N, C-alpha and C. Protein backbone atom coordinates (compact mmCIF):
# COMPACT_ATOMS: atom_id res chain seq x y z
N MET A 1 10.43 17.75 4.65
CA MET A 1 9.92 17.00 3.51
C MET A 1 9.32 18.00 2.51
N ARG A 2 9.60 17.77 1.23
CA ARG A 2 9.01 18.61 0.18
C ARG A 2 7.49 18.53 0.22
N THR A 3 6.85 19.61 -0.15
CA THR A 3 5.38 19.64 -0.15
C THR A 3 4.81 18.57 -1.08
N GLY A 4 5.41 18.41 -2.26
CA GLY A 4 4.94 17.39 -3.21
C GLY A 4 5.07 16.00 -2.65
N ALA A 5 6.20 15.71 -2.01
CA ALA A 5 6.41 14.39 -1.40
C ALA A 5 5.42 14.16 -0.27
N GLN A 6 5.15 15.20 0.50
CA GLN A 6 4.16 15.09 1.59
C GLN A 6 2.78 14.81 1.02
N ALA A 7 2.42 15.48 -0.06
CA ALA A 7 1.11 15.27 -0.69
C ALA A 7 1.00 13.83 -1.19
N GLU A 8 2.06 13.30 -1.79
CA GLU A 8 2.03 11.92 -2.29
C GLU A 8 1.91 10.94 -1.13
N GLN A 9 2.61 11.20 -0.04
CA GLN A 9 2.51 10.34 1.14
C GLN A 9 1.10 10.38 1.73
N THR A 10 0.52 11.56 1.81
CA THR A 10 -0.84 11.71 2.31
C THR A 10 -1.83 10.96 1.42
N ALA A 11 -1.67 11.09 0.10
CA ALA A 11 -2.55 10.39 -0.84
C ALA A 11 -2.39 8.88 -0.71
N ALA A 12 -1.16 8.40 -0.58
CA ALA A 12 -0.92 6.96 -0.44
C ALA A 12 -1.58 6.43 0.83
N GLN A 13 -1.45 7.16 1.92
CA GLN A 13 -2.08 6.74 3.19
C GLN A 13 -3.59 6.72 3.05
N PHE A 14 -4.15 7.74 2.41
CA PHE A 14 -5.59 7.80 2.19
C PHE A 14 -6.07 6.59 1.39
N LEU A 15 -5.39 6.29 0.28
CA LEU A 15 -5.81 5.18 -0.58
C LEU A 15 -5.64 3.84 0.12
N GLN A 16 -4.61 3.69 0.90
CA GLN A 16 -4.42 2.44 1.65
C GLN A 16 -5.55 2.26 2.67
N ARG A 17 -6.02 3.34 3.26
CA ARG A 17 -7.15 3.24 4.20
C ARG A 17 -8.44 2.86 3.46
N GLN A 18 -8.48 3.10 2.15
CA GLN A 18 -9.64 2.72 1.34
C GLN A 18 -9.53 1.27 0.86
N GLY A 19 -8.44 0.58 1.23
CA GLY A 19 -8.29 -0.83 0.89
C GLY A 19 -7.35 -1.13 -0.26
N LEU A 20 -6.73 -0.13 -0.87
CA LEU A 20 -5.78 -0.37 -1.95
C LEU A 20 -4.43 -0.73 -1.35
N ARG A 21 -3.65 -1.50 -2.10
CA ARG A 21 -2.32 -1.93 -1.65
C ARG A 21 -1.27 -1.18 -2.46
N LEU A 22 -0.39 -0.48 -1.76
CA LEU A 22 0.67 0.30 -2.42
C LEU A 22 1.73 -0.63 -2.98
N LEU A 23 2.03 -0.48 -4.28
CA LEU A 23 3.05 -1.28 -4.94
C LEU A 23 4.34 -0.50 -5.16
N GLN A 24 4.21 0.77 -5.56
CA GLN A 24 5.39 1.56 -5.89
C GLN A 24 5.07 3.04 -5.85
N THR A 25 6.08 3.82 -5.47
CA THR A 25 5.96 5.27 -5.51
C THR A 25 6.98 5.82 -6.50
N ASN A 26 6.62 6.90 -7.13
CA ASN A 26 7.52 7.63 -8.03
C ASN A 26 8.21 6.74 -9.06
N TYR A 27 7.41 6.06 -9.86
CA TYR A 27 7.96 5.24 -10.95
C TYR A 27 8.42 6.16 -12.07
N HIS A 28 9.69 6.09 -12.40
CA HIS A 28 10.29 6.94 -13.44
C HIS A 28 10.70 6.10 -14.64
N CYS A 29 10.55 6.68 -15.80
CA CYS A 29 11.13 6.14 -17.03
C CYS A 29 11.34 7.32 -17.97
N ARG A 30 11.77 7.04 -19.18
CA ARG A 30 12.09 8.13 -20.11
C ARG A 30 10.86 8.95 -20.52
N PHE A 31 9.67 8.40 -20.31
CA PHE A 31 8.45 9.11 -20.70
C PHE A 31 7.93 10.04 -19.61
N GLY A 32 8.26 9.75 -18.36
CA GLY A 32 7.75 10.58 -17.28
C GLY A 32 7.75 9.85 -15.97
N GLU A 33 6.84 10.25 -15.09
CA GLU A 33 6.76 9.68 -13.75
C GLU A 33 5.30 9.44 -13.38
N ILE A 34 5.07 8.36 -12.66
CA ILE A 34 3.77 8.09 -12.06
C ILE A 34 3.97 8.18 -10.55
N ASP A 35 3.14 9.00 -9.91
CA ASP A 35 3.31 9.25 -8.48
C ASP A 35 3.14 7.99 -7.64
N LEU A 36 2.02 7.28 -7.85
CA LEU A 36 1.71 6.10 -7.05
C LEU A 36 1.18 4.99 -7.96
N ILE A 37 1.58 3.77 -7.66
CA ILE A 37 1.01 2.60 -8.32
C ILE A 37 0.49 1.69 -7.21
N LEU A 38 -0.80 1.37 -7.31
CA LEU A 38 -1.44 0.58 -6.28
C LEU A 38 -2.22 -0.57 -6.90
N GLN A 39 -2.65 -1.48 -6.07
CA GLN A 39 -3.49 -2.60 -6.48
C GLN A 39 -4.84 -2.44 -5.81
N ASP A 40 -5.93 -2.49 -6.60
CA ASP A 40 -7.29 -2.43 -6.08
C ASP A 40 -7.99 -3.69 -6.56
N GLY A 41 -7.98 -4.73 -5.73
CA GLY A 41 -8.50 -6.03 -6.16
C GLY A 41 -7.61 -6.55 -7.28
N ALA A 42 -8.21 -6.84 -8.44
CA ALA A 42 -7.44 -7.33 -9.59
C ALA A 42 -6.93 -6.19 -10.47
N THR A 43 -7.25 -4.96 -10.12
CA THR A 43 -6.94 -3.81 -10.97
C THR A 43 -5.69 -3.07 -10.52
N ARG A 44 -4.80 -2.81 -11.46
CA ARG A 44 -3.63 -1.98 -11.22
C ARG A 44 -4.05 -0.53 -11.38
N VAL A 45 -3.72 0.29 -10.40
CA VAL A 45 -4.16 1.68 -10.39
C VAL A 45 -2.96 2.61 -10.44
N PHE A 46 -2.94 3.46 -11.46
CA PHE A 46 -1.90 4.47 -11.62
C PHE A 46 -2.49 5.79 -11.15
N VAL A 47 -1.82 6.43 -10.19
CA VAL A 47 -2.39 7.60 -9.54
C VAL A 47 -1.52 8.83 -9.75
N GLU A 48 -2.16 9.89 -10.19
CA GLU A 48 -1.54 11.21 -10.27
C GLU A 48 -2.03 12.01 -9.07
N VAL A 49 -1.10 12.53 -8.29
CA VAL A 49 -1.43 13.32 -7.12
C VAL A 49 -1.22 14.79 -7.46
N ARG A 50 -2.23 15.60 -7.16
CA ARG A 50 -2.15 17.03 -7.44
C ARG A 50 -2.49 17.82 -6.19
N LEU A 51 -1.67 18.81 -5.91
CA LEU A 51 -1.86 19.69 -4.77
C LEU A 51 -2.07 21.10 -5.29
N ARG A 52 -3.17 21.70 -4.92
CA ARG A 52 -3.45 23.08 -5.32
C ARG A 52 -4.03 23.81 -4.12
N SER A 53 -3.47 24.94 -3.81
CA SER A 53 -3.94 25.69 -2.65
C SER A 53 -5.15 26.56 -2.99
N HIS A 54 -5.40 26.79 -4.27
CA HIS A 54 -6.58 27.56 -4.68
C HIS A 54 -7.05 27.04 -6.02
N SER A 55 -8.24 27.45 -6.44
CA SER A 55 -8.83 26.92 -7.67
C SER A 55 -8.53 27.77 -8.89
N GLY A 56 -7.62 28.72 -8.79
CA GLY A 56 -7.24 29.52 -9.95
C GLY A 56 -6.71 28.62 -11.06
N PHE A 57 -6.89 29.01 -12.29
CA PHE A 57 -6.47 28.24 -13.47
C PHE A 57 -7.16 26.88 -13.53
N GLY A 58 -8.32 26.73 -12.93
CA GLY A 58 -9.10 25.50 -13.04
C GLY A 58 -8.87 24.50 -11.93
N GLY A 59 -8.00 24.78 -11.00
CA GLY A 59 -7.79 23.87 -9.89
C GLY A 59 -6.94 22.67 -10.25
N ALA A 60 -6.86 21.74 -9.32
CA ALA A 60 -5.97 20.58 -9.46
C ALA A 60 -6.37 19.66 -10.61
N ALA A 61 -7.65 19.39 -10.75
CA ALA A 61 -8.09 18.45 -11.79
C ALA A 61 -7.77 18.97 -13.18
N ALA A 62 -7.94 20.26 -13.40
CA ALA A 62 -7.69 20.85 -14.72
C ALA A 62 -6.22 20.80 -15.10
N SER A 63 -5.34 20.63 -14.13
CA SER A 63 -3.91 20.59 -14.44
C SER A 63 -3.48 19.25 -15.05
N ILE A 64 -4.37 18.26 -15.06
CA ILE A 64 -4.06 16.98 -15.71
C ILE A 64 -4.64 17.05 -17.12
N ASP A 65 -3.96 17.82 -17.95
CA ASP A 65 -4.43 18.08 -19.31
C ASP A 65 -4.08 16.91 -20.24
N ALA A 66 -4.46 17.04 -21.50
CA ALA A 66 -4.24 15.96 -22.48
C ALA A 66 -2.77 15.60 -22.62
N ARG A 67 -1.88 16.58 -22.58
CA ARG A 67 -0.44 16.30 -22.69
C ARG A 67 0.04 15.50 -21.49
N LYS A 68 -0.40 15.86 -20.29
CA LYS A 68 -0.02 15.14 -19.08
C LYS A 68 -0.60 13.73 -19.10
N GLN A 69 -1.84 13.60 -19.53
CA GLN A 69 -2.46 12.27 -19.64
C GLN A 69 -1.66 11.38 -20.58
N HIS A 70 -1.23 11.93 -21.71
CA HIS A 70 -0.46 11.16 -22.69
C HIS A 70 0.85 10.66 -22.06
N LYS A 71 1.54 11.52 -21.33
CA LYS A 71 2.78 11.13 -20.67
C LYS A 71 2.53 10.04 -19.62
N LEU A 72 1.44 10.16 -18.89
CA LEU A 72 1.11 9.15 -17.88
C LEU A 72 0.79 7.81 -18.54
N ILE A 73 0.08 7.85 -19.65
CA ILE A 73 -0.25 6.61 -20.36
C ILE A 73 1.02 5.94 -20.88
N LEU A 74 1.92 6.71 -21.49
CA LEU A 74 3.18 6.13 -21.97
C LEU A 74 4.00 5.54 -20.83
N THR A 75 4.04 6.23 -19.71
CA THR A 75 4.79 5.74 -18.56
C THR A 75 4.16 4.46 -18.01
N ALA A 76 2.83 4.42 -17.95
CA ALA A 76 2.15 3.21 -17.49
C ALA A 76 2.39 2.04 -18.44
N GLN A 77 2.38 2.30 -19.74
CA GLN A 77 2.66 1.23 -20.71
C GLN A 77 4.07 0.70 -20.53
N HIS A 78 5.02 1.60 -20.24
CA HIS A 78 6.40 1.18 -19.98
C HIS A 78 6.44 0.29 -18.74
N TYR A 79 5.77 0.69 -17.68
CA TYR A 79 5.71 -0.10 -16.45
C TYR A 79 5.10 -1.47 -16.74
N LEU A 80 3.99 -1.48 -17.46
CA LEU A 80 3.28 -2.73 -17.73
C LEU A 80 4.08 -3.67 -18.64
N SER A 81 4.95 -3.11 -19.48
CA SER A 81 5.75 -3.96 -20.38
C SER A 81 6.71 -4.85 -19.59
N ARG A 82 6.94 -4.51 -18.34
CA ARG A 82 7.84 -5.28 -17.48
C ARG A 82 7.08 -6.20 -16.52
N HIS A 83 5.76 -6.26 -16.66
CA HIS A 83 4.94 -7.07 -15.78
C HIS A 83 3.98 -7.92 -16.62
N SER A 84 4.07 -9.21 -16.42
CA SER A 84 3.23 -10.11 -17.19
C SER A 84 2.53 -11.06 -16.22
N PRO A 85 1.30 -11.39 -16.44
CA PRO A 85 0.41 -10.85 -17.46
C PRO A 85 -0.04 -9.43 -17.09
N VAL A 86 -0.51 -8.70 -18.09
CA VAL A 86 -0.96 -7.33 -17.87
C VAL A 86 -2.35 -7.37 -17.21
N PRO A 87 -2.47 -6.77 -16.03
CA PRO A 87 -3.76 -6.77 -15.33
C PRO A 87 -4.68 -5.68 -15.88
N PRO A 88 -5.95 -5.72 -15.52
CA PRO A 88 -6.81 -4.59 -15.82
C PRO A 88 -6.23 -3.35 -15.13
N CYS A 89 -6.38 -2.20 -15.76
CA CYS A 89 -5.76 -0.98 -15.23
C CYS A 89 -6.74 0.18 -15.26
N ARG A 90 -6.45 1.17 -14.39
CA ARG A 90 -7.19 2.42 -14.46
C ARG A 90 -6.28 3.55 -13.99
N PHE A 91 -6.65 4.76 -14.37
CA PHE A 91 -5.93 5.96 -13.97
C PHE A 91 -6.82 6.77 -13.03
N ASP A 92 -6.32 7.00 -11.83
CA ASP A 92 -7.05 7.80 -10.85
C ASP A 92 -6.29 9.09 -10.60
N ALA A 93 -6.99 10.05 -10.06
CA ALA A 93 -6.37 11.30 -9.61
C ALA A 93 -6.76 11.51 -8.15
N VAL A 94 -5.79 11.94 -7.37
CA VAL A 94 -6.06 12.33 -5.99
C VAL A 94 -5.70 13.81 -5.90
N LEU A 95 -6.70 14.60 -5.56
CA LEU A 95 -6.54 16.05 -5.50
C LEU A 95 -6.56 16.49 -4.05
N LEU A 96 -5.57 17.28 -3.67
CA LEU A 96 -5.44 17.73 -2.29
C LEU A 96 -5.40 19.24 -2.23
N THR A 97 -5.98 19.78 -1.18
CA THR A 97 -5.86 21.22 -0.95
C THR A 97 -4.82 21.50 0.14
N ASP A 98 -4.43 20.45 0.89
CA ASP A 98 -3.41 20.56 1.94
C ASP A 98 -2.57 19.31 1.88
N ALA A 99 -1.26 19.48 1.80
CA ALA A 99 -0.35 18.33 1.61
C ALA A 99 -0.40 17.33 2.74
N ALA A 100 -0.77 17.76 3.94
CA ALA A 100 -0.71 16.87 5.09
C ALA A 100 -2.07 16.51 5.67
N ASP A 101 -3.16 16.89 5.00
CA ASP A 101 -4.49 16.71 5.57
C ASP A 101 -5.37 15.93 4.61
N THR A 102 -5.87 14.78 5.07
CA THR A 102 -6.74 13.96 4.22
C THR A 102 -8.19 14.44 4.23
N ASN A 103 -8.52 15.46 5.01
CA ASN A 103 -9.90 15.97 5.04
C ASN A 103 -10.29 16.61 3.72
N GLY A 104 -9.33 17.19 3.02
CA GLY A 104 -9.63 17.86 1.76
C GLY A 104 -9.31 17.02 0.54
N VAL A 105 -9.32 15.70 0.67
CA VAL A 105 -8.96 14.82 -0.44
C VAL A 105 -10.16 14.61 -1.36
N GLU A 106 -9.89 14.73 -2.65
CA GLU A 106 -10.88 14.35 -3.67
C GLU A 106 -10.25 13.24 -4.48
N TRP A 107 -10.89 12.08 -4.50
CA TRP A 107 -10.38 10.90 -5.21
C TRP A 107 -11.26 10.69 -6.44
N ILE A 108 -10.65 10.81 -7.60
CA ILE A 108 -11.39 10.62 -8.85
C ILE A 108 -10.95 9.28 -9.46
N LYS A 109 -11.80 8.28 -9.32
CA LYS A 109 -11.53 6.97 -9.91
C LYS A 109 -11.78 7.04 -11.40
N GLY A 110 -10.88 6.45 -12.18
CA GLY A 110 -11.07 6.47 -13.63
C GLY A 110 -11.06 7.88 -14.18
N ALA A 111 -10.11 8.67 -13.74
CA ALA A 111 -10.02 10.09 -14.14
C ALA A 111 -9.90 10.25 -15.65
N PHE A 112 -9.23 9.30 -16.29
CA PHE A 112 -9.14 9.27 -17.76
C PHE A 112 -8.85 7.86 -18.20
N GLU A 113 -9.00 7.61 -19.48
CA GLU A 113 -8.90 6.26 -20.03
C GLU A 113 -7.56 6.02 -20.72
N LEU A 114 -7.15 4.78 -20.75
CA LEU A 114 -5.94 4.36 -21.47
C LEU A 114 -6.20 4.47 -22.96
N GLY A 115 -5.30 5.19 -23.66
CA GLY A 115 -5.33 5.31 -25.11
C GLY A 115 -6.66 5.66 -25.62
């Protein structure tokens, strides 16, 4: 299994243990990709999974820059355009230091805002 796919699977398992319900993995459209889409109560959660083995260049969180956030927002809007009614939404980040280990997971709820 690819390291990125393993990291996404580890993140999905972690979030499901926190009570979120997995709806979709690797949603693609012309704007980009969202790693995980989950439901947290009434809230739709779009999750970016990042794996970094060291903190050079700012670590995993710093890699979700303004350009990446913009692509994620456009992709989420595309996803939401196909789902009615539009639920409350948030963007989370799951940062991993090991693709297969949930001990090093950092979950940032509301990592950035829509538009």
